[in-house]
Amino acid sequence: QARNAEKAMTALARFRQAQLEEGKVKERRPFLASECNELPKAEKWRRQIIGEISKKVAQIQNAGLGEFRIRDLNDEINKLLREKGHWEVRIRELGGPDYIFCQGEPGMGPSWFTLSF
């Protein structure tokens, strides 16, 4: 019984309890971009995804990784890129900047804008 009381008094447990009481629990990204109706939050989630992509790209460049880990990371990066696209569409729907046009994808933007490869 004494051991449980010691665990409850650890600094981490007290800090976590204080956070819960103050309401500073970390907000989770909505599963569907369409569930978000606030432009600043949508941009925040897009930035979070870009950060996750950057970390995974840095990991995948490690030469010591095995083939299966590289494949897993590649799948995760592709999933995040797809999710980022959903958030960019939602940001545009909410009246924010058109990040898709900024990337210069063919077929997007004004008719005078052409890409040559």
PDB file of N, CA and C in Angstrom:
ATOM      1  N   GLN A   1       0.830  -1.192   0.000  1.00  0.00           N
ATOM      2  CA  GLN A   1       0.000   0.000   0.000  1.00  0.00           C
ATOM      3  C   GLN A   1       0.874   1.255   0.000  1.00  0.00           C
ATOM      4  N   ALA A   2       1.962   1.218   0.718  1.00  0.00           N
ATOM      5  CA  ALA A   2       2.838   2.381   0.796  1.00  0.00           C
ATOM      6  C   ALA A   2       3.447   2.691  -0.570  1.00  0.00           C
ATOM      7  N   ARG A   3       3.719   1.663  -1.359  1.00  0.00           N
ATOM      8  CA  ARG A   3       4.327   1.860  -2.684  1.00  0.00           C
ATOM      9  C   ARG A   3       3.389   2.650  -3.608  1.00  0.00           C
ATOM     10  N   ASN A   4       2.100   2.366  -3.582  1.00  0.00           N
ATOM     11  CA  ASN A   4       1.147   3.102  -4.405  1.00  0.00           C
ATOM     12  C   ASN A   4       1.083   4.560  -3.993  1.00  0.00           C
ATOM     13  N   ALA A   5       1.177   4.817  -2.709  1.00  0.00           N
ATOM     14  CA  ALA A   5       1.166   6.197  -2.227  1.00  0.00           C
ATOM     15  C   ALA A   5       2.398   6.941  -2.716  1.00  0.00           C
ATOM     16  N   GLU A   6       3.547   6.260  -2.757  1.00  0.00           N
ATOM     17  CA  GLU A   6       4.778   6.876  -3.259  1.00  0.00           C
ATOM     18  C   GLU A   6       4.642   7.203  -4.741  1.00  0.00           C
ATOM     19  N   LYS A   7       4.073   6.271  -5.505  1.00  0.00           N
ATOM     20  CA  LYS A   7       3.882   6.507  -6.935  1.00  0.00           C
ATOM     21  C   LYS A   7       2.990   7.716  -7.178  1.00  0.00           C
ATOM     22  N   ALA A   8       1.960   7.854  -6.371  1.00  0.00           N
ATOM     23  CA  ALA A   8       1.023   8.953  -6.552  1.00  0.00           C
ATOM     24  C   ALA A   8       1.668  10.307  -6.281  1.00  0.00           C
ATOM     25  N   MET A   9       2.727  10.316  -5.513  1.00  0.00           N
ATOM     26  CA  MET A   9       3.344  11.579  -5.148  1.00  0.00           C
ATOM     27  C   MET A   9       4.545  11.940  -6.018  1.00  0.00           C
ATOM     28  N   THR A  10       4.825  11.161  -7.027  1.00  0.00           N
ATOM     29  CA  THR A  10       5.957  11.499  -7.888  1.00  0.00           C
ATOM     30  C   THR A  10       5.702  12.836  -8.554  1.00  0.00           C
ATOM     31  N   ALA A  11       6.780  13.489  -8.918  1.00  0.00           N
ATOM     32  CA  ALA A  11       6.673  14.815  -9.526  1.00  0.00           C
ATOM     33  C   ALA A  11       5.847  14.769 -10.812  1.00  0.00           C
ATOM     34  N   LEU A  12       6.059  13.735 -11.606  1.00  0.00           N
ATOM     35  CA  LEU A  12       5.323  13.621 -12.863  1.00  0.00           C
ATOM     36  C   LEU A  12       3.829  13.471 -12.612  1.00  0.00           C
ATOM     37  N   ALA A  13       3.476  12.640 -11.635  1.00  0.00           N
ATOM     38  CA  ALA A  13       2.058  12.440 -11.335  1.00  0.00           C
ATOM     39  C   ALA A  13       1.412  13.731 -10.854  1.00  0.00           C
ATOM     40  N   ARG A  14       2.131  14.487 -10.003  1.00  0.00           N
ATOM     41  CA  ARG A  14       1.573  15.754  -9.514  1.00  0.00           C
ATOM     42  C   ARG A  14       1.435  16.763 -10.648  1.00  0.00           C
ATOM     43  N   PHE A  15       2.440  16.807 -11.541  1.00  0.00           N
ATOM     44  CA  PHE A  15       2.387  17.728 -12.675  1.00  0.00           C
ATOM     45  C   PHE A  15       1.213  17.386 -13.586  1.00  0.00           C
ATOM     46  N   ARG A  16       1.049  16.107 -13.869  1.00  0.00           N
ATOM     47  CA  ARG A  16      -0.047  15.665 -14.742  1.00  0.00           C
ATOM     48  C   ARG A  16      -1.407  15.976 -14.117  1.00  0.00           C
ATOM     49  N   GLN A  17      -1.516  15.769 -12.817  1.00  0.00           N
ATOM     50  CA  GLN A  17      -2.769  16.066 -12.132  1.00  0.00           C
ATOM     51  C   GLN A  17      -3.073  17.560 -12.188  1.00  0.00           C
ATOM     52  N   ALA A  18      -2.039  18.385 -12.009  1.00  0.00           N
ATOM     53  CA  ALA A  18      -2.228  19.842 -12.078  1.00  0.00           C
ATOM     54  C   ALA A  18      -2.678  20.255 -13.473  1.00  0.00           C
ATOM     55  N   GLN A  19      -2.108  19.623 -14.502  1.00  0.00           N
ATOM     56  CA  GLN A  19      -2.516  19.932 -15.873  1.00  0.00           C
ATOM     57  C   GLN A  19      -3.974  19.579 -16.103  1.00  0.00           C
ATOM     58  N   LEU A  20      -4.383  18.419 -15.624  1.00  0.00           N
ATOM     59  CA  LEU A  20      -5.769  17.990 -15.796  1.00  0.00           C
ATOM     60  C   LEU A  20      -6.728  18.954 -15.102  1.00  0.00           C
ATOM     61  N   GLU A  21      -6.349  19.425 -13.929  1.00  0.00           N
ATOM     62  CA  GLU A  21      -7.212  20.342 -13.183  1.00  0.00           C
ATOM     63  C   GLU A  21      -7.321  21.697 -13.865  1.00  0.00           C
ATOM     64  N   GLU A  22      -6.238  22.141 -14.502  1.00  0.00           N
ATOM     65  CA  GLU A  22      -6.245  23.441 -15.177  1.00  0.00           C
ATOM     66  C   GLU A  22      -6.871  23.367 -16.567  1.00  0.00           C
ATOM     67  N   GLY A  23      -7.097  22.180 -17.056  1.00  0.00           N
ATOM     68  CA  GLY A  23      -7.680  22.034 -18.388  1.00  0.00           C
ATOM     69  C   GLY A  23      -6.675  22.164 -19.505  1.00  0.00           C
ATOM     70  N   LYS A  24      -5.412  21.971 -19.202  1.00  0.00           N
ATOM     71  CA  LYS A  24      -4.367  22.104 -20.216  1.00  0.00           C
ATOM     72  C   LYS A  24      -4.009  20.759 -20.833  1.00  0.00           C
ATOM     73  N   VAL A  25      -4.989  19.916 -21.005  1.00  0.00           N
ATOM     74  CA  VAL A  25      -4.752  18.623 -21.628  1.00  0.00           C
ATOM     75  C   VAL A  25      -4.551  18.862 -23.120  1.00  0.00           C
ATOM     76  N   LYS A  26      -3.572  18.199 -23.695  1.00  0.00           N
ATOM     77  CA  LYS A  26      -3.237  18.409 -25.100  1.00  0.00           C
ATOM     78  C   LYS A  26      -4.416  18.034 -25.996  1.00  0.00           C
ATOM     79  N   GLU A  27      -4.753  18.942 -26.886  1.00  0.00           N
ATOM     80  CA  GLU A  27      -5.869  18.720 -27.806  1.00  0.00           C
ATOM     81  C   GLU A  27      -5.431  17.784 -28.927  1.00  0.00           C
ATOM     82  N   ARG A  28      -6.295  16.847 -29.274  1.00  0.00           N
ATOM     83  CA  ARG A  28      -5.976  15.895 -30.331  1.00  0.00           C
ATOM     84  C   ARG A  28      -6.496  16.392 -31.670  1.00  0.00           C
ATOM     85  N   ARG A  29      -5.755  16.057 -32.716  1.00  0.00           N
ATOM     86  CA  ARG A  29      -6.148  16.436 -34.069  1.00  0.00           C
ATOM     87  C   ARG A  29      -7.400  15.662 -34.457  1.00  0.00           C
ATOM     88  N   PRO A  30      -8.404  16.349 -35.023  1.00  0.00           N
ATOM     89  CA  PRO A  30      -9.620  15.647 -35.455  1.00  0.00           C
ATOM     90  C   PRO A  30      -9.298  14.591 -36.507  1.00  0.00           C
ATOM     91  N   PHE A  31     -10.048  13.501 -36.469  1.00  0.00           N
ATOM     92  CA  PHE A  31      -9.824  12.417 -37.424  1.00  0.00           C
ATOM     93  C   PHE A  31     -10.137  12.871 -38.842  1.00  0.00           C
ATOM     94  N   LEU A  32     -11.206  13.656 -38.998  1.00  0.00           N
ATOM     95  CA  LEU A  32     -11.584  14.175 -40.309  1.00  0.00           C
ATOM     96  C   LEU A  32     -11.354  15.678 -40.339  1.00  0.00           C
ATOM     97  N   ALA A  33     -10.720  16.156 -41.390  1.00  0.00           N
ATOM     98  CA  ALA A  33     -10.474  17.596 -41.516  1.00  0.00           C
ATOM     99  C   ALA A  33     -11.789  18.369 -41.575  1.00  0.00           C
ATOM    100  N   SER A  34     -12.825  17.744 -42.106  1.00  0.00           N
ATOM    101  CA  SER A  34     -14.114  18.427 -42.236  1.00  0.00           C
ATOM    102  C   SER A  34     -14.765  18.701 -40.884  1.00  0.00           C
ATOM    103  N   GLU A  35     -14.286  18.054 -39.814  1.00  0.00           N
ATOM    104  CA  GLU A  35     -14.825  18.299 -38.478  1.00  0.00           C
ATOM    105  C   GLU A  35     -14.331  19.616 -37.888  1.00  0.00           C
ATOM    106  N   CYS A  36     -13.287  20.189 -38.457  1.00  0.00           N
ATOM    107  CA  CYS A  36     -12.709  21.432 -37.954  1.00  0.00           C
ATOM    108  C   CYS A  36     -13.374  22.618 -38.659  1.00  0.00           C
ATOM    109  N   ASN A  37     -13.866  23.569 -37.866  1.00  0.00           N
ATOM    110  CA  ASN A  37     -14.544  24.731 -38.441  1.00  0.00           C
ATOM    111  C   ASN A  37     -13.832  26.043 -38.151  1.00  0.00           C
ATOM    112  N   GLU A  38     -12.627  25.986 -37.643  1.00  0.00           N
ATOM    113  CA  GLU A  38     -11.870  27.194 -37.323  1.00  0.00           C
ATOM    114  C   GLU A  38     -10.582  27.210 -38.126  1.00  0.00           C
ATOM    115  N   LEU A  39     -10.372  28.295 -38.874  1.00  0.00           N
ATOM    116  CA  LEU A  39      -9.202  28.407 -39.738  1.00  0.00           C
ATOM    117  C   LEU A  39      -7.884  28.320 -38.958  1.00  0.00           C
ATOM    118  N   PRO A  40      -7.717  29.039 -37.838  1.00  0.00           N
ATOM    119  CA  PRO A  40      -6.430  28.950 -37.118  1.00  0.00           C
ATOM    120  C   PRO A  40      -6.109  27.524 -36.649  1.00  0.00           C
ATOM    121  N   LYS A  41      -7.131  26.801 -36.216  1.00  0.00           N
ATOM    122  CA  LYS A  41      -6.887  25.423 -35.774  1.00  0.00           C
ATOM    123  C   LYS A  41      -6.533  24.535 -36.963  1.00  0.00           C
ATOM    124  N   ALA A  42      -7.188  24.733 -38.082  1.00  0.00           N
ATOM    125  CA  ALA A  42      -6.883  23.930 -39.269  1.00  0.00           C
ATOM    126  C   ALA A  42      -5.436  24.160 -39.701  1.00  0.00           C
ATOM    127  N   GLU A  43      -4.985  25.417 -39.652  1.00  0.00           N
ATOM    128  CA  GLU A  43      -3.597  25.705 -40.017  1.00  0.00           C
ATOM    129  C   GLU A  43      -2.631  25.106 -38.993  1.00  0.00           C
ATOM    130  N   LYS A  44      -3.039  25.104 -37.734  1.00  0.00           N
ATOM    131  CA  LYS A  44      -2.219  24.499 -36.678  1.00  0.00           C
ATOM    132  C   LYS A  44      -2.038  23.010 -36.938  1.00  0.00           C
ATOM    133  N   TRP A  45      -3.128  22.322 -37.304  1.00  0.00           N
ATOM    134  CA  TRP A  45      -3.047  20.881 -37.565  1.00  0.00           C
ATOM    135  C   TRP A  45      -2.192  20.609 -38.797  1.00  0.00           C
ATOM    136  N   ARG A  46      -2.299  21.468 -39.808  1.00  0.00           N
ATOM    137  CA  ARG A  46      -1.471  21.296 -41.010  1.00  0.00           C
ATOM    138  C   ARG A  46       0.006  21.430 -40.652  1.00  0.00           C
ATOM    139  N   ARG A  47       0.331  22.445 -39.837  1.00  0.00           N
ATOM    140  CA  ARG A  47       1.726  22.626 -39.414  1.00  0.00           C
ATOM    141  C   ARG A  47       2.212  21.420 -38.606  1.00  0.00           C
ATOM    142  N   GLN A  48       1.352  20.867 -37.768  1.00  0.00           N
ATOM    143  CA  GLN A  48       1.720  19.696 -36.974  1.00  0.00           C
ATOM    144  C   GLN A  48       2.048  18.513 -37.886  1.00  0.00           C
ATOM    145  N   ILE A  49       1.241  18.323 -38.906  1.00  0.00           N
ATOM    146  CA  ILE A  49       1.471  17.223 -39.847  1.00  0.00           C
ATOM    147  C   ILE A  49       2.793  17.426 -40.582  1.00  0.00           C
ATOM    148  N   ILE A  50       3.073  18.671 -40.993  1.00  0.00           N
ATOM    149  CA  ILE A  50       4.328  18.954 -41.695  1.00  0.00           C
ATOM    150  C   ILE A  50       5.514  18.621 -40.791  1.00  0.00           C
ATOM    151  N   GLY A  51       5.391  18.932 -39.502  1.00  0.00           N
ATOM    152  CA  GLY A  51       6.452  18.596 -38.560  1.00  0.00           C
ATOM    153  C   GLY A  51       6.659  17.092 -38.448  1.00  0.00           C
ATOM    154  N   GLU A  52       5.554  16.348 -38.404  1.00  0.00           N
ATOM    155  CA  GLU A  52       5.650  14.888 -38.330  1.00  0.00           C
ATOM    156  C   GLU A  52       6.297  14.326 -39.590  1.00  0.00           C
ATOM    157  N   ILE A  53       5.929  14.884 -40.744  1.00  0.00           N
ATOM    158  CA  ILE A  53       6.522  14.435 -42.007  1.00  0.00           C
ATOM    159  C   ILE A  53       8.026  14.690 -41.987  1.00  0.00           C
ATOM    160  N   SER A  54       8.429  15.866 -41.519  1.00  0.00           N
ATOM    161  CA  SER A  54       9.859  16.214 -41.476  1.00  0.00           C
ATOM    162  C   SER A  54      10.639  15.238 -40.605  1.00  0.00           C
ATOM    163  N   LYS A  55      10.087  14.887 -39.457  1.00  0.00           N
ATOM    164  CA  LYS A  55      10.768  13.949 -38.560  1.00  0.00           C
ATOM    165  C   LYS A  55      10.925  12.588 -39.214  1.00  0.00           C
ATOM    166  N   LYS A  56       9.877  12.126 -39.882  1.00  0.00           N
ATOM    167  CA  LYS A  56       9.926  10.801 -40.499  1.00  0.00           C
ATOM    168  C   LYS A  56      10.865  10.779 -41.708  1.00  0.00           C
ATOM    169  N   VAL A  57      10.927  11.882 -42.452  1.00  0.00           N
ATOM    170  CA  VAL A  57      11.860  11.955 -43.578  1.00  0.00           C
ATOM    171  C   VAL A  57      13.287  11.902 -43.058  1.00  0.00           C
ATOM    172  N   ALA A  58      13.551  12.589 -41.938  1.00  0.00           N
ATOM    173  CA  ALA A  58      14.890  12.542 -41.343  1.00  0.00           C
ATOM    174  C   ALA A  58      15.226  11.124 -40.890  1.00  0.00           C
ATOM    175  N   GLN A  59      14.247  10.414 -40.337  1.00  0.00           N
ATOM    176  CA  GLN A  59      14.483   9.032 -39.896  1.00  0.00           C
ATOM    177  C   GLN A  59      14.756   8.106 -41.074  1.00  0.00           C
ATOM    178  N   ILE A  60      14.027   8.305 -42.153  1.00  0.00           N
ATOM    179  CA  ILE A  60      14.141   7.378 -43.292  1.00  0.00           C
ATOM    180  C   ILE A  60      15.492   7.541 -43.995  1.00  0.00           C
ATOM    181  N   GLN A  61      16.152   8.679 -43.777  1.00  0.00           N
ATOM    182  CA  GLN A  61      17.455   8.908 -44.405  1.00  0.00           C
ATOM    183  C   GLN A  61      18.592   8.243 -43.636  1.00  0.00           C
ATOM    184  N   ASN A  62      18.281   7.619 -42.519  1.00  0.00           N
ATOM    185  CA  ASN A  62      19.274   6.891 -41.739  1.00  0.00           C
ATOM    186  C   ASN A  62      19.656   5.616 -42.486  1.00  0.00           C
ATOM    187  N   ALA A  63      20.909   5.510 -42.834  1.00  0.00           N
ATOM    188  CA  ALA A  63      21.371   4.376 -43.646  1.00  0.00           C
ATOM    189  C   ALA A  63      21.308   3.047 -42.897  1.00  0.00           C
ATOM    190  N   GLY A  64      21.254   3.086 -41.577  1.00  0.00           N
ATOM    191  CA  GLY A  64      21.279   1.856 -40.800  1.00  0.00           C
ATOM    192  C   GLY A  64      19.934   1.170 -40.648  1.00  0.00           C
ATOM    193  N   LEU A  65      18.883   1.746 -41.208  1.00  0.00           N
ATOM    194  CA  LEU A  65      17.554   1.148 -41.063  1.00  0.00           C
ATOM    195  C   LEU A  65      17.401  -0.067 -41.968  1.00  0.00           C
ATOM    196  N   GLY A  66      16.633  -1.015 -41.510  1.00  0.00           N
ATOM    197  CA  GLY A  66      16.353  -2.191 -42.332  1.00  0.00           C
ATOM    198  C   GLY A  66      15.279  -1.892 -43.359  1.00  0.00           C
ATOM    199  N   GLU A  67      15.152  -2.790 -44.314  1.00  0.00           N
ATOM    200  CA  GLU A  67      14.204  -2.583 -45.409  1.00  0.00           C
ATOM    201  C   GLU A  67      12.765  -2.461 -44.912  1.00  0.00           C
ATOM    202  N   PHE A  68      12.394  -3.283 -43.928  1.00  0.00           N
ATOM    203  CA  PHE A  68      11.014  -3.265 -43.449  1.00  0.00           C
ATOM    204  C   PHE A  68      10.700  -1.959 -42.728  1.00  0.00           C
ATOM    205  N   ARG A  69      11.652  -1.464 -41.945  1.00  0.00           N
ATOM    206  CA  ARG A  69      11.439  -0.183 -41.241  1.00  0.00           C
ATOM    207  C   ARG A  69      11.331   0.957 -42.253  1.00  0.00           C
ATOM    208  N   ILE A  70      12.125   0.919 -43.290  1.00  0.00           N
ATOM    209  CA  ILE A  70      12.057   1.955 -44.336  1.00  0.00           C
ATOM    210  C   ILE A  70      10.695   1.913 -45.013  1.00  0.00           C
ATOM    211  N   ARG A  71      10.212   0.714 -45.309  1.00  0.00           N
ATOM    212  CA  ARG A  71       8.888   0.589 -45.935  1.00  0.00           C
ATOM    213  C   ARG A  71       7.789   1.121 -45.022  1.00  0.00           C
ATOM    214  N   ASP A  72       7.890   0.807 -43.726  1.00  0.00           N
ATOM    215  CA  ASP A  72       6.896   1.302 -42.765  1.00  0.00           C
ATOM    216  C   ASP A  72       6.911   2.823 -42.696  1.00  0.00           C
ATOM    217  N   LEU A  73       8.124   3.387 -42.618  1.00  0.00           N
ATOM    218  CA  LEU A  73       8.240   4.854 -42.570  1.00  0.00           C
ATOM    219  C   LEU A  73       7.687   5.483 -43.841  1.00  0.00           C
ATOM    220  N   ASN A  74       7.972   4.861 -44.976  1.00  0.00           N
ATOM    221  CA  ASN A  74       7.473   5.382 -46.242  1.00  0.00           C
ATOM    222  C   ASN A  74       5.948   5.372 -46.272  1.00  0.00           C
ATOM    223  N   ASP A  75       5.351   4.300 -45.773  1.00  0.00           N
ATOM    224  CA  ASP A  75       3.890   4.224 -45.707  1.00  0.00           C
ATOM    225  C   ASP A  75       3.325   5.315 -44.794  1.00  0.00           C
ATOM    226  N   GLU A  76       3.984   5.535 -43.650  1.00  0.00           N
ATOM    227  CA  GLU A  76       3.532   6.567 -42.715  1.00  0.00           C
ATOM    228  C   GLU A  76       3.652   7.956 -43.339  1.00  0.00           C
ATOM    229  N   ILE A  77       4.745   8.206 -44.055  1.00  0.00           N
ATOM    230  CA  ILE A  77       4.939   9.507 -44.712  1.00  0.00           C
ATOM    231  C   ILE A  77       3.858   9.718 -45.765  1.00  0.00           C
ATOM    232  N   ASN A  78       3.571   8.696 -46.568  1.00  0.00           N
ATOM    233  CA  ASN A  78       2.536   8.823 -47.593  1.00  0.00           C
ATOM    234  C   ASN A  78       1.173   9.100 -46.967  1.00  0.00           C
ATOM    235  N   LYS A  79       0.879   8.448 -45.856  1.00  0.00           N
ATOM    236  CA  LYS A  79      -0.386   8.664 -45.160  1.00  0.00           C
ATOM    237  C   LYS A  79      -0.473  10.110 -44.663  1.00  0.00           C
ATOM    238  N   LEU A  80       0.631  10.611 -44.097  1.00  0.00           N
ATOM    239  CA  LEU A  80       0.646  11.989 -43.601  1.00  0.00           C
ATOM    240  C   LEU A  80       0.518  12.998 -44.750  1.00  0.00           C
ATOM    241  N   LEU A  81       1.153  12.704 -45.879  1.00  0.00           N
ATOM    242  CA  LEU A  81       1.037  13.609 -47.037  1.00  0.00           C
ATOM    243  C   LEU A  81      -0.409  13.666 -47.534  1.00  0.00           C
ATOM    244  N   ARG A  82      -1.072  12.523 -47.535  1.00  0.00           N
ATOM    245  CA  ARG A  82      -2.475  12.488 -47.944  1.00  0.00           C
ATOM    246  C   ARG A  82      -3.326  13.294 -46.958  1.00  0.00           C
ATOM    247  N   GLU A  83      -3.053  13.121 -45.667  1.00  0.00           N
ATOM    248  CA  GLU A  83      -3.799  13.856 -44.645  1.00  0.00           C
ATOM    249  C   GLU A  83      -3.544  15.358 -44.756  1.00  0.00           C
ATOM    250  N   LYS A  84      -2.299  15.737 -45.055  1.00  0.00           N
ATOM    251  CA  LYS A  84      -1.969  17.158 -45.234  1.00  0.00           C
ATOM    252  C   LYS A  84      -2.788  17.749 -46.377  1.00  0.00           C
ATOM    253  N   GLY A  85      -2.962  16.978 -47.433  1.00  0.00           N
ATOM    254  CA  GLY A  85      -3.777  17.443 -48.551  1.00  0.00           C
ATOM    255  C   GLY A  85      -5.216  17.694 -48.138  1.00  0.00           C
ATOM    256  N   HIS A  86      -5.764  16.822 -47.285  1.00  0.00           N
ATOM    257  CA  HIS A  86      -7.134  17.021 -46.799  1.00  0.00           C
ATOM    258  C   HIS A  86      -7.235  18.318 -45.994  1.00  0.00           C
ATOM    259  N   TRP A  87      -6.231  18.580 -45.160  1.00  0.00           N
ATOM    260  CA  TRP A  87      -6.253  19.813 -44.360  1.00  0.00           C
ATOM    261  C   TRP A  87      -6.103  21.041 -45.252  1.00  0.00           C
ATOM    262  N   GLU A  88      -5.305  20.947 -46.321  1.00  0.00           N
ATOM    263  CA  GLU A  88      -5.142  22.092 -47.223  1.00  0.00           C
ATOM    264  C   GLU A  88      -6.449  22.401 -47.946  1.00  0.00           C
ATOM    265  N   VAL A  89      -7.177  21.372 -48.315  1.00  0.00           N
ATOM    266  CA  VAL A  89      -8.490  21.585 -48.937  1.00  0.00           C
ATOM    267  C   VAL A  89      -9.432  22.249 -47.941  1.00  0.00           C
ATOM    268  N   ARG A  90      -9.414  21.760 -46.693  1.00  0.00           N
ATOM    269  CA  ARG A  90     -10.293  22.327 -45.663  1.00  0.00           C
ATOM    270  C   ARG A  90      -9.935  23.781 -45.365  1.00  0.00           C
ATOM    271  N   ILE A  91      -8.655  24.094 -45.335  1.00  0.00           N
ATOM    272  CA  ILE A  91      -8.212  25.480 -45.103  1.00  0.00           C
ATOM    273  C   ILE A  91      -8.742  26.382 -46.206  1.00  0.00           C
ATOM    274  N   ARG A  92      -8.679  25.909 -47.435  1.00  0.00           N
ATOM    275  CA  ARG A  92      -9.199  26.702 -48.556  1.00  0.00           C
ATOM    276  C   ARG A  92     -10.706  26.886 -48.419  1.00  0.00           C
ATOM    277  N   GLU A  93     -11.424  25.838 -47.996  1.00  0.00           N
ATOM    278  CA  GLU A  93     -12.876  25.940 -47.797  1.00  0.00           C
ATOM    279  C   GLU A  93     -13.221  26.968 -46.719  1.00  0.00           C
ATOM    280  N   LEU A  94     -12.367  27.087 -45.704  1.00  0.00           N
ATOM    281  CA  LEU A  94     -12.616  28.021 -44.604  1.00  0.00           C
ATOM    282  C   LEU A  94     -12.164  29.443 -44.942  1.00  0.00           C
ATOM    283  N   GLY A  95     -11.672  29.652 -46.152  1.00  0.00           N
ATOM    284  CA  GLY A  95     -11.287  30.996 -46.586  1.00  0.00           C
ATOM    285  C   GLY A  95      -9.830  31.329 -46.349  1.00  0.00           C
ATOM    286  N   GLY A  96      -9.030  30.339 -46.083  1.00  0.00           N
ATOM    287  CA  GLY A  96      -7.603  30.560 -45.844  1.00  0.00           C
ATOM    288  C   GLY A  96      -6.807  30.518 -47.137  1.00  0.00           C
ATOM    289  N   PRO A  97      -5.485  30.590 -47.017  1.00  0.00           N
ATOM    290  CA  PRO A  97      -4.628  30.573 -48.212  1.00  0.00           C
ATOM    291  C   PRO A  97      -4.721  29.245 -48.960  1.00  0.00           C
ATOM    292  N   ASP A  98      -4.470  29.315 -50.243  1.00  0.00           N
ATOM    293  CA  ASP A  98      -4.532  28.132 -51.098  1.00  0.00           C
ATOM    294  C   ASP A  98      -3.141  27.508 -51.153  1.00  0.00           C
ATOM    295  N   TYR A  99      -2.843  26.640 -50.185  1.00  0.00           N
ATOM    296  CA  TYR A  99      -1.518  26.014 -50.130  1.00  0.00           C
ATOM    297  C   TYR A  99      -1.300  25.069 -51.292  1.00  0.00           C
ATOM    298  N   ILE A 100      -2.351  24.518 -51.843  1.00  0.00           N
ATOM    299  CA  ILE A 100      -2.212  23.590 -52.958  1.00  0.00           C
ATOM    300  C   ILE A 100      -1.673  24.324 -54.181  1.00  0.00           C
ATOM    301  N   PHE A 101      -2.184  25.532 -54.438  1.00  0.00           N
ATOM    302  CA  PHE A 101      -1.705  26.321 -55.572  1.00  0.00           C
ATOM    303  C   PHE A 101      -0.250  26.698 -55.365  1.00  0.00           C
ATOM    304  N   CYS A 102       0.124  26.996 -54.144  1.00  0.00           N
ATOM    305  CA  CYS A 102       1.498  27.403 -53.844  1.00  0.00           C
ATOM    306  C   CYS A 102       2.499  26.312 -54.171  1.00  0.00           C
ATOM    307  N   GLN A 103       2.065  25.060 -54.148  1.00  0.00           N
ATOM    308  CA  GLN A 103       2.964  23.949 -54.429  1.00  0.00           C
ATOM    309  C   GLN A 103       3.177  23.764 -55.928  1.00  0.00           C
ATOM    310  N   GLY A 104       2.397  24.457 -56.738  1.00  0.00           N
ATOM    311  CA  GLY A 104       2.594  24.398 -58.177  1.00  0.00           C
ATOM    312  C   GLY A 104       2.176  23.085 -58.802  1.00  0.00           C
ATOM    313  N   GLU A 105       1.110  22.499 -58.312  1.00  0.00           N
ATOM    314  CA  GLU A 105       0.639  21.252 -58.918  1.00  0.00           C
ATOM    315  C   GLU A 105      -0.030  21.559 -60.257  1.00  0.00           C
ATOM    316  N   PRO A 106       0.189  20.740 -61.267  1.00  0.00           N
ATOM    317  CA  PRO A 106      -0.429  20.978 -62.570  1.00  0.00           C
ATOM    318  C   PRO A 106      -1.953  20.995 -62.466  1.00  0.00           C
ATOM    319  N   GLY A 107      -2.563  21.874 -63.224  1.00  0.00           N
ATOM    320  CA  GLY A 107      -4.018  21.954 -63.241  1.00  0.00           C
ATOM    321  C   GLY A 107      -4.588  22.869 -62.184  1.00  0.00           C
ATOM    322  N   MET A 108      -3.762  23.417 -61.332  1.00  0.00           N
ATOM    323  CA  MET A 108      -4.231  24.307 -60.278  1.00  0.00           C
ATOM    324  C   MET A 108      -3.806  25.739 -60.609  1.00  0.00           C
ATOM    325  N   GLY A 109      -4.575  26.682 -60.137  1.00  0.00           N
ATOM    326  CA  GLY A 109      -4.199  28.078 -60.307  1.00  0.00           C
ATOM    327  C   GLY A 109      -4.746  28.692 -61.579  1.00  0.00           C
ATOM    328  N   PRO A 110      -4.350  29.930 -61.848  1.00  0.00           N
ATOM    329  CA  PRO A 110      -4.865  30.653 -63.015  1.00  0.00           C
ATOM    330  C   PRO A 110      -4.389  30.034 -64.332  1.00  0.00           C
ATOM    331  N   SER A 111      -5.124  30.345 -65.405  1.00  0.00           N
ATOM    332  CA  SER A 111      -4.829  29.737 -66.702  1.00  0.00           C
ATOM    333  C   SER A 111      -3.478  30.194 -67.265  1.00  0.00           C
ATOM    334  N   TRP A 112      -2.994  31.375 -66.857  1.00  0.00           N
ATOM    335  CA  TRP A 112      -1.726  31.864 -67.383  1.00  0.00           C
ATOM    336  C   TRP A 112      -0.533  31.184 -66.725  1.00  0.00           C
ATOM    337  N   PHE A 113      -0.786  30.453 -65.640  1.00  0.00           N
ATOM    338  CA  PHE A 113       0.298  29.823 -64.889  1.00  0.00           C
ATOM    339  C   PHE A 113       0.527  28.437 -65.445  1.00  0.00           C
ATOM    340  N   THR A 114       1.684  28.219 -66.047  1.00  0.00           N
ATOM    341  CA  THR A 114       1.994  26.896 -66.580  1.00  0.00           C
ATOM    342  C   THR A 114       3.334  26.425 -66.030  1.00  0.00           C
ATOM    343  N   LEU A 115       3.442  25.137 -65.874  1.00  0.00           N
ATOM    344  CA  LEU A 115       4.693  24.527 -65.402  1.00  0.00           C
ATOM    345  C   LEU A 115       5.335  23.787 -66.551  1.00  0.00           C
ATOM    346  N   SER A 116       6.638  23.890 -66.651  1.00  0.00           N
ATOM    347  CA  SER A 116       7.328  23.115 -67.680  1.00  0.00           C
ATOM    348  C   SER A 116       8.336  22.222 -66.986  1.00  0.00           C
ATOM    349  N   PHE A 117       8.305  20.948 -67.353  1.00  0.00           N
ATOM    350  CA  PHE A 117       9.211  19.968 -66.741  1.00  0.00           C
ATOM    351  C   PHE A 117      10.199  19.470 -67.758  1.00  0.00           C
TER     352      PHE A 117
END
